[in-house]
Protein backbone atom coordinates (compact mmCIF):
# COMPACT_ATOMS: atom_id res chain seq x y z
CA UNK A 1 -14.57 52.03 -171.17
CA UNK A 2 -14.67 55.24 -173.23
CA UNK A 3 -12.01 57.61 -174.50
CA UNK A 4 -12.76 61.30 -174.00
CA UNK A 5 -11.66 64.15 -176.24
CA UNK A 6 -8.88 65.23 -173.87
CA UNK A 7 -7.27 61.80 -173.82
CA UNK A 8 -8.84 60.70 -170.55
CA UNK A 9 -10.11 57.14 -170.21
CA UNK A 10 -13.32 56.66 -168.24
CA UNK A 11 -14.75 53.36 -167.00
CA UNK A 12 -18.48 52.83 -166.75
CA UNK A 13 -19.72 51.93 -163.31
CA UNK A 14 -16.96 53.78 -161.47
CA UNK A 15 -15.47 57.21 -160.93
CA UNK A 16 -11.86 56.29 -161.63
CA UNK A 17 -10.29 58.07 -164.55
CA UNK A 18 -6.80 58.93 -165.67
CA UNK A 19 -4.96 60.81 -168.35
CA UNK A 20 -1.70 59.81 -169.98
CA UNK A 21 -0.32 63.28 -169.29
CA UNK A 22 -1.08 63.01 -165.60
CA UNK A 23 0.61 59.61 -165.40
CA UNK A 24 3.68 60.89 -167.23
CA UNK A 25 3.86 63.83 -164.84
CA UNK A 26 3.76 61.64 -161.74
CA UNK A 27 6.40 59.27 -163.13
CA UNK A 28 8.71 62.07 -164.32
CA UNK A 29 8.48 63.91 -161.00
CA UNK A 30 9.19 60.75 -158.98
CA UNK A 31 12.12 59.61 -161.12
CA UNK A 32 13.42 63.17 -161.37
CA UNK A 33 13.62 63.43 -157.58
CA UNK A 34 15.43 60.11 -157.41
CA UNK A 35 17.94 61.14 -160.07
CA UNK A 36 18.59 64.51 -158.42
CA UNK A 37 19.17 62.97 -155.00
CA UNK A 38 21.40 60.22 -156.39
CA UNK A 39 23.39 62.66 -158.47
CA UNK A 40 23.90 65.04 -155.54
CA UNK A 41 25.04 62.19 -153.30
CA UNK A 42 27.52 60.72 -155.79
CA UNK A 43 28.90 64.04 -156.98
CA UNK A 44 29.33 65.30 -153.43
CA UNK A 45 30.99 62.02 -152.46
CA UNK A 46 33.53 62.28 -155.28
CA UNK A 47 34.22 65.92 -154.42
CA UNK A 48 34.68 64.97 -150.77
CA UNK A 49 37.04 62.20 -151.82
CA UNK A 50 39.12 64.82 -153.62
CA UNK A 51 39.33 66.79 -150.40
CA UNK A 52 40.27 63.67 -148.43
CA UNK A 53 43.23 62.83 -150.66
CA UNK A 54 44.61 66.31 -150.20
CA UNK A 55 43.65 68.36 -153.24
CA UNK A 56 45.93 71.36 -153.80
CA UNK A 57 42.92 73.64 -154.32
CA UNK A 58 40.32 72.59 -151.70
CA UNK A 59 38.17 75.73 -151.67
CA UNK A 60 36.55 75.20 -155.10
CA UNK A 61 35.57 71.67 -154.05
CA UNK A 62 34.04 72.96 -150.80
CA UNK A 63 32.06 75.51 -152.78
CA UNK A 64 31.03 72.75 -155.19
CA UNK A 65 29.69 70.55 -152.38
CA UNK A 66 27.72 73.44 -150.88
CA UNK A 67 26.37 74.37 -154.31
CA UNK A 68 25.27 70.79 -154.99
CA UNK A 69 23.51 70.51 -151.63
CA UNK A 70 21.66 73.81 -151.99
CA UNK A 71 20.60 73.32 -155.61
CA UNK A 72 19.56 69.70 -155.11
CA UNK A 73 17.42 70.52 -152.07
CA UNK A 74 15.78 73.33 -154.01
CA UNK A 75 15.15 71.18 -157.08
CA UNK A 76 13.68 68.31 -155.08
CA UNK A 77 11.48 70.73 -153.13
CA UNK A 78 10.15 72.24 -156.37
CA UNK A 79 9.39 68.82 -157.88
CA UNK A 80 7.65 67.76 -154.68
CA UNK A 81 5.58 70.91 -154.34
CA UNK A 82 4.86 71.50 -158.03
CA UNK A 83 5.31 68.23 -159.95
CA UNK A 84 3.74 69.76 -163.05
CA UNK A 85 6.95 71.73 -163.56
CA UNK A 86 8.27 68.67 -165.41
CA UNK A 87 6.01 69.81 -168.23
CA UNK A 88 8.60 72.54 -168.92
CA UNK A 89 11.71 70.47 -169.68
CA UNK A 90 13.42 73.20 -171.72
CA UNK A 91 13.63 75.56 -168.73
CA UNK A 92 14.77 72.76 -166.43
CA UNK A 93 17.47 71.52 -168.79
CA UNK A 94 18.70 75.06 -169.47
CA UNK A 95 19.21 75.53 -165.74
CA UNK A 96 20.89 72.11 -165.67
CA UNK A 97 23.33 73.23 -168.39
CA UNK A 98 24.32 76.27 -166.35
CA UNK A 99 24.77 74.12 -163.24
CA UNK A 100 26.87 71.61 -165.21
CA UNK A 101 29.19 74.39 -166.37
CA UNK A 102 29.54 75.53 -162.76
CA UNK A 103 30.46 71.99 -161.71
CA UNK A 104 32.94 71.81 -164.59
CA UNK A 105 34.60 75.03 -163.47
CA UNK A 106 34.68 74.21 -159.75
CA UNK A 107 35.68 70.60 -160.24
CA UNK A 108 38.22 71.45 -162.95
CA UNK A 109 36.99 68.64 -165.18
CA UNK A 110 37.57 65.94 -162.61
CA UNK A 111 35.45 62.98 -161.55
CA UNK A 112 32.69 65.16 -160.00
CA UNK A 113 32.04 66.73 -163.40
CA UNK A 114 31.58 63.39 -165.19
CA UNK A 115 29.35 62.04 -162.41
CA UNK A 116 27.22 65.17 -162.53
CA UNK A 117 27.07 65.02 -166.34
CA UNK A 118 25.78 61.44 -166.17
CA UNK A 119 23.10 62.56 -163.73
CA UNK A 120 22.10 65.43 -166.02
CA UNK A 121 21.82 63.02 -168.95
CA UNK A 122 19.62 60.75 -166.84
CA UNK A 123 17.39 63.67 -165.88
CA UNK A 124 17.06 64.61 -169.56
CA UNK A 125 16.05 61.02 -170.32
CA UNK A 126 13.37 61.17 -167.64
CA UNK A 127 11.95 64.44 -168.93
CA UNK A 128 12.27 63.98 -172.70
CA UNK A 129 12.72 60.27 -173.29
CA UNK A 130 14.71 59.44 -176.40
CA UNK A 131 14.03 62.95 -177.69
CA UNK A 132 16.96 63.91 -175.45
CA UNK A 133 19.40 62.16 -177.82
CA UNK A 134 20.80 65.45 -179.26
CA UNK A 135 21.41 66.69 -175.73
CA UNK A 136 23.16 63.44 -174.80
CA UNK A 137 25.41 63.71 -177.83
CA UNK A 138 26.20 67.36 -177.02
CA UNK A 139 27.13 66.43 -173.45
CA UNK A 140 29.20 63.52 -174.75
CA UNK A 141 31.08 65.88 -177.09
CA UNK A 142 31.62 68.29 -174.23
CA UNK A 143 32.94 65.44 -172.11
CA UNK A 144 35.41 64.42 -174.78
CA UNK A 145 36.54 68.04 -175.10
CA UNK A 146 37.22 68.04 -171.36
CA UNK A 147 39.10 64.74 -171.71
CA UNK A 148 41.27 66.12 -174.51
CA UNK A 149 42.10 69.15 -172.39
CA UNK A 150 43.05 66.97 -169.44
CA UNK A 151 45.20 64.69 -171.61
CA UNK A 152 47.04 67.66 -173.08
CA UNK A 153 47.76 69.20 -169.71
CA UNK A 154 48.87 66.01 -167.98
CA UNK A 155 50.31 62.61 -168.77
CA UNK A 156 47.94 60.15 -167.05
CA UNK A 157 48.62 56.45 -166.81
CA UNK A 158 46.76 53.94 -168.99
CA UNK A 159 43.95 53.31 -166.46
CA UNK A 160 43.12 57.00 -166.13
CA UNK A 161 43.23 57.42 -169.90
CA UNK A 162 40.73 54.59 -170.38
CA UNK A 163 38.47 56.15 -167.72
CA UNK A 164 38.58 59.53 -169.45
CA UNK A 165 37.64 57.95 -172.77
CA UNK A 166 34.76 55.91 -171.29
CA UNK A 167 33.32 58.54 -168.94
CA UNK A 168 31.44 60.63 -171.56
CA UNK A 169 29.83 57.49 -173.01
CA UNK A 170 28.62 56.56 -169.51
CA UNK A 171 26.52 59.71 -169.53
CA UNK A 172 24.77 58.63 -172.74
CA UNK A 173 24.12 55.18 -171.25
CA UNK A 174 22.70 56.77 -168.10
CA UNK A 175 20.31 58.83 -170.23
CA UNK A 176 19.17 55.80 -172.23
CA UNK A 177 18.57 53.74 -169.08
CA UNK A 178 16.60 56.60 -167.49
CA UNK A 179 14.43 57.01 -170.60
CA UNK A 180 13.66 53.28 -170.70
CA UNK A 181 12.91 53.23 -166.97
CA UNK A 182 10.57 56.22 -167.25
CA UNK A 183 8.67 54.66 -170.15
CA UNK A 184 8.36 51.29 -168.40
CA UNK A 185 7.25 52.83 -165.12
CA UNK A 186 4.65 55.01 -166.83
CA UNK A 187 3.28 52.00 -168.69
CA UNK A 188 3.10 49.98 -165.47
CA UNK A 189 1.32 52.80 -163.69
CA UNK A 190 -1.27 53.06 -166.46
CA UNK A 191 -1.87 49.31 -166.24
CA UNK A 192 -2.28 49.56 -162.46
CA UNK A 193 -4.78 52.39 -162.82
CA UNK A 194 -6.70 50.32 -165.37
CA UNK A 195 -6.77 47.35 -163.00
CA UNK A 196 -8.10 49.49 -160.17
CA UNK A 197 -10.75 51.00 -162.45
CA UNK A 198 -11.84 47.57 -163.70
CA UNK A 199 -12.02 46.30 -160.12
CA UNK A 200 -14.21 49.27 -159.17
CA UNK A 201 -16.43 48.64 -162.18
CA UNK A 202 -16.81 44.95 -161.29
CA UNK A 203 -17.56 45.81 -157.67
CA UNK A 204 -20.24 48.27 -158.77
CA UNK A 205 -21.75 45.65 -161.09
CA UNK A 206 -21.82 43.12 -158.26
CA UNK A 207 -23.50 45.67 -156.00
CA UNK A 208 -26.19 46.35 -158.60
CA UNK A 209 -26.76 42.64 -159.21
CA UNK A 210 -26.96 41.96 -155.49
CA UNK A 211 -29.46 44.77 -154.92
CA UNK A 212 -31.54 43.59 -157.87
CA UNK A 213 -31.62 40.06 -156.47
CA UNK A 214 -32.61 41.28 -153.03
CA UNK A 215 -35.41 43.41 -154.48
CA UNK A 216 -36.63 40.56 -156.67
CA UNK A 217 -36.67 38.06 -153.82
CA UNK A 218 -38.55 40.31 -151.42
CA UNK A 219 -40.20 43.59 -152.32
CA UNK A 220 -40.85 42.80 -156.01
CA UNK A 221 -42.81 39.63 -155.21
CA UNK A 222 -44.92 41.41 -152.61
CA UNK A 223 -45.67 44.30 -154.97
CA UNK A 224 -46.60 41.87 -157.71
CA UNK A 225 -49.16 40.24 -155.43
CA UNK A 226 -50.53 43.65 -154.47
CA UNK A 227 -50.83 44.54 -158.15
CA UNK A 228 -52.88 41.41 -158.91
CA UNK A 229 -55.16 42.10 -155.97
CA UNK A 230 -55.60 45.73 -157.03
CA UNK A 231 -56.56 44.66 -160.58
CA UNK A 232 -59.26 42.31 -159.25
CA UNK A 233 -60.59 44.76 -156.66
CA UNK A 234 -62.75 47.10 -158.86
CA UNK A 235 -64.73 44.25 -160.39
CA UNK A 236 -65.41 42.71 -156.99
CA UNK A 237 -66.66 45.78 -155.17
CA UNK A 238 -70.29 45.46 -156.41
CA UNK A 239 -70.63 41.79 -157.26
CA UNK A 240 -68.61 40.19 -154.44
CA UNK A 241 -68.27 42.63 -151.52
CA UNK A 242 -66.76 39.96 -149.28
CA UNK A 243 -64.07 39.18 -151.84
CA UNK A 244 -63.45 42.89 -152.34
CA UNK A 245 -62.95 43.26 -148.60
CA UNK A 246 -60.45 40.40 -148.62
CA UNK A 247 -58.60 41.91 -151.58
CA UNK A 248 -58.46 45.30 -149.87
CA UNK A 249 -57.10 43.62 -146.75
CA UNK A 250 -54.53 41.76 -148.86
CA UNK A 251 -53.40 45.03 -150.44
CA UNK A 252 -53.09 46.67 -147.03
CA UNK A 253 -51.14 43.73 -145.64
CA UNK A 254 -48.98 43.65 -148.75
CA UNK A 255 -48.15 47.35 -148.40
CA UNK A 256 -47.14 46.82 -144.79
CA UNK A 257 -45.10 43.76 -145.76
CA UNK A 258 -43.40 45.63 -148.62
CA UNK A 259 -42.52 48.47 -146.27
CA UNK A 260 -41.08 46.01 -143.75
CA UNK A 261 -39.13 44.16 -146.46
CA UNK A 262 -37.73 47.41 -147.83
CA UNK A 263 -36.66 48.46 -144.34
CA UNK A 264 -35.04 45.06 -143.73
CA UNK A 265 -33.32 45.30 -147.11
CA UNK A 266 -31.89 48.72 -146.30
CA UNK A 267 -30.75 47.53 -142.89
CA UNK A 268 -29.12 44.51 -144.51
CA UNK A 269 -27.29 46.68 -147.01
CA UNK A 270 -26.00 48.80 -144.15
CA UNK A 271 -24.72 45.74 -142.30
CA UNK A 272 -21.64 45.45 -144.48
CA UNK A 273 -19.63 48.30 -145.92
CA UNK A 274 -16.86 47.10 -148.29
CA UNK A 275 -14.78 50.12 -147.24
CA UNK A 276 -14.74 48.86 -143.66
CA UNK A 277 -12.44 46.12 -142.41
CA UNK A 278 -14.19 42.77 -142.07
CA UNK A 279 -13.27 42.27 -138.43
CA UNK A 280 -14.64 45.74 -137.62
CA UNK A 281 -17.93 44.89 -139.35
CA UNK A 282 -18.44 41.65 -137.39
CA UNK A 283 -17.34 43.25 -134.11
CA UNK A 284 -19.90 45.99 -134.67
CA UNK A 285 -22.61 43.43 -135.52
CA UNK A 286 -21.90 41.39 -132.39
CA UNK A 287 -21.57 44.52 -130.24
CA UNK A 288 -25.01 45.79 -131.26
CA UNK A 289 -26.54 42.35 -130.70
CA UNK A 290 -24.97 42.09 -127.24
CA UNK A 291 -26.07 45.61 -126.28
CA UNK A 292 -29.64 44.92 -127.42
CA UNK A 293 -30.04 41.46 -125.86
CA UNK A 294 -27.59 41.39 -122.98
CA UNK A 295 -26.13 38.14 -124.33
CA UNK A 296 -22.34 37.79 -124.05
CA UNK A 297 -21.25 37.79 -127.72
CA UNK A 298 -17.75 37.60 -129.19
CA UNK A 299 -16.44 37.74 -132.77
CA UNK A 300 -13.28 35.90 -133.78
CA UNK A 301 -12.11 36.86 -137.27
CA UNK A 302 -9.08 35.06 -138.72
CA UNK A 303 -9.50 36.34 -142.27
CA UNK A 304 -7.87 39.50 -143.60
CA UNK A 305 -10.42 40.22 -146.34
CA UNK A 306 -12.95 38.50 -148.59
CA UNK A 307 -14.53 39.23 -151.97
CA UNK A 308 -17.44 41.65 -151.65
CA UNK A 309 -20.25 39.18 -152.55
CA UNK A 310 -18.97 36.55 -150.11
CA UNK A 311 -18.46 38.91 -147.18
CA UNK A 312 -21.90 40.46 -147.78
CA UNK A 313 -23.74 37.13 -147.75
CA UNK A 314 -21.78 35.82 -144.75
CA UNK A 315 -22.54 39.02 -142.85
CA UNK A 316 -26.23 38.64 -143.64
CA UNK A 317 -26.14 34.99 -142.56
CA UNK A 318 -24.45 35.94 -139.28
CA UNK A 319 -27.09 38.61 -138.70
CA UNK A 320 -29.91 36.15 -139.39
CA UNK A 321 -28.35 33.56 -137.07
CA UNK A 322 -28.11 36.14 -134.27
CA UNK A 323 -31.72 37.13 -134.89
CA UNK A 324 -32.80 33.48 -134.51
CA UNK A 325 -30.83 33.21 -131.28
CA UNK A 326 -32.53 36.31 -129.93
CA UNK A 327 -36.00 34.98 -130.78
CA UNK A 328 -35.73 31.32 -129.84
CA UNK A 329 -32.52 30.18 -128.11
CA UNK A 330 -32.58 31.78 -124.62
CA UNK A 331 -28.77 31.71 -124.82
CA UNK A 332 -26.27 33.33 -122.46
CA UNK A 333 -23.19 33.17 -124.67
CA UNK A 334 -22.64 33.41 -128.45
CA UNK A 335 -19.46 33.08 -130.50
CA UNK A 336 -19.13 34.14 -134.15
CA UNK A 337 -16.02 32.73 -135.86
CA UNK A 338 -14.79 33.43 -139.38
CA UNK A 339 -11.72 31.56 -140.63
CA UNK A 340 -10.15 30.01 -143.70
CA UNK A 341 -10.02 26.27 -144.21
CA UNK A 342 -6.68 24.50 -143.83
CA UNK A 343 -5.64 24.97 -147.46
CA UNK A 344 -7.15 28.44 -147.74
CA UNK A 345 -9.51 27.47 -150.56
CA UNK A 346 -12.70 28.24 -148.65
CA UNK A 347 -13.94 30.36 -145.76
CA UNK A 348 -16.02 29.06 -142.87
CA UNK A 349 -18.49 31.01 -140.74
CA UNK A 350 -19.58 29.46 -137.45
CA UNK A 351 -22.24 30.91 -135.13
CA UNK A 352 -22.45 28.94 -131.90
CA UNK A 353 -24.74 29.48 -128.90
CA UNK A 354 -25.38 27.68 -125.59
CA UNK A 355 -29.16 28.03 -125.78
CA UNK A 356 -32.09 25.63 -125.78
CA UNK A 357 -31.36 23.96 -129.09
CA UNK A 358 -34.03 22.07 -131.02
CA UNK A 359 -34.65 18.96 -133.06
CA UNK A 360 -33.42 19.54 -136.58
CA UNK A 361 -35.73 18.06 -139.23
CA UNK A 362 -34.36 16.25 -142.24
CA UNK A 363 -36.09 18.64 -144.63
CA UNK A 364 -35.67 22.40 -144.29
CA UNK A 365 -39.10 22.90 -145.87
CA UNK A 366 -40.57 21.57 -142.65
CA UNK A 367 -39.14 24.56 -140.83
CA UNK A 368 -40.57 26.89 -143.44
CA UNK A 369 -44.00 25.33 -143.13
CA UNK A 370 -43.83 25.90 -139.38
CA UNK A 371 -43.10 29.58 -139.92
CA UNK A 372 -39.36 29.37 -139.17
CA UNK A 373 -37.84 31.04 -142.19
CA UNK A 374 -34.45 31.98 -140.71
CA UNK A 375 -32.50 28.81 -141.45
CA UNK A 376 -34.16 28.50 -144.87
CA UNK A 377 -33.08 32.06 -145.69
CA UNK A 378 -29.55 31.33 -144.52
CA UNK A 379 -29.42 28.25 -146.74
CA UNK A 380 -30.60 30.28 -149.73
CA UNK A 381 -27.94 32.91 -149.10
CA UNK A 382 -25.25 30.24 -148.80
CA UNK A 383 -26.28 28.83 -152.18
CA UNK A 384 -25.86 32.24 -153.85
CA UNK A 385 -22.12 32.05 -153.12
CA UNK A 386 -21.89 28.31 -153.95
CA UNK A 387 -21.65 27.56 -150.25
CA UNK A 388 -23.09 24.93 -147.96
CA UNK A 389 -24.76 25.20 -144.56
CA UNK A 390 -24.87 22.72 -141.69
CA UNK A 391 -26.90 23.14 -138.52
CA UNK A 392 -25.79 21.04 -135.54
CA UNK A 393 -28.24 21.15 -132.63
CA UNK A 394 -29.86 19.08 -129.91
CA UNK A 395 -32.51 20.05 -127.36
CA UNK A 396 -30.80 21.58 -124.35
CA UNK A 397 -27.33 21.45 -125.98
CA UNK A 398 -27.21 24.68 -127.96
CA UNK A 399 -26.93 25.22 -131.71
CA UNK A 400 -24.04 25.66 -134.15
CA UNK A 401 -24.53 27.03 -137.64
CA UNK A 402 -21.63 26.25 -140.01
CA UNK A 403 -21.43 27.90 -143.43
CA UNK A 404 -18.59 27.14 -145.84
CA UNK A 405 -18.08 29.07 -149.10
CA UNK A 406 -15.36 28.48 -151.69
CA UNK A 407 -12.93 31.30 -152.55
CA UNK A 408 -12.73 31.59 -156.33
């Protein structure tokens, strides 16, 4: 993980990157839209309540409701289309001050004004954080000035007087809560981005390690043998022509084997794409096998998703099992099942066919000595994910390959 000059954090092994400014913009735009919508709803509701109880001057309240709807829709549309506008809080808050004065005039200092003032304070907290404190205090002073005017013009009861005294302070509290929420949400978003980037880095590292292991176990060994034969070849051309001919043949065979192994490796890597759903991958694998062989093949996947290394190895094992069935089983029906164990601590892959079956030796090396490398390869792949393999078969009764791997 490295920090760039412009404040961007980059993670090795992945393309994910983020900047604090970009995160703050996303958070401010999202919270700003929420505050604007909530403020418009509450302020319009209080203005409508004034109309419902029979206000003596209804027309200003009607104009106020229309004004709130129009301005709120416009503000939300701007924040949605151009979220970077939150980077200009002075212009936004200046427009808010004008709108607040309009609400004060149309609402005549009633409940809609105090609700709208609390929303404006919250919006300032979203945009400026605690740097909006002077603005909160100015709005609070304005609110108390409105309260004093109302108290001088009327003689409210005790409950209304308490409300008028507490209403301006509510705006300050709304601003503080909004500032805290914006800071917490931005921090959580940065943590989430970091987690995603780390997961991408780990996945890339696993991919590199897996490819290195595959190359080491196949192509690298073959090339090493070719290299030894090539080193011995020049000295044998004159003194031991027969040996030189054998070495040349070994090099030729090794080149063909390396080419085949590289092609098989590439095909194996294409078998499983982590971006593709696991059930889609196995359905595609079984569909291609069925189309190529004519064998009725079905995949039953009861697992939502698996870690990349486990799903890769299980996909390769399923492919190898299907290849063995094609070569030896003479089957008419194959079922590939992937499911979790009862407690969900492990995953089980089962490949079952109704083919010829065979006599399973006690030692897998016996199969390898006889040239049957498929089951041995499947066992080796199972061990790479700390799994176990069991082959259940009898002549004439089909074969079932069971692989179980723990989920850690």
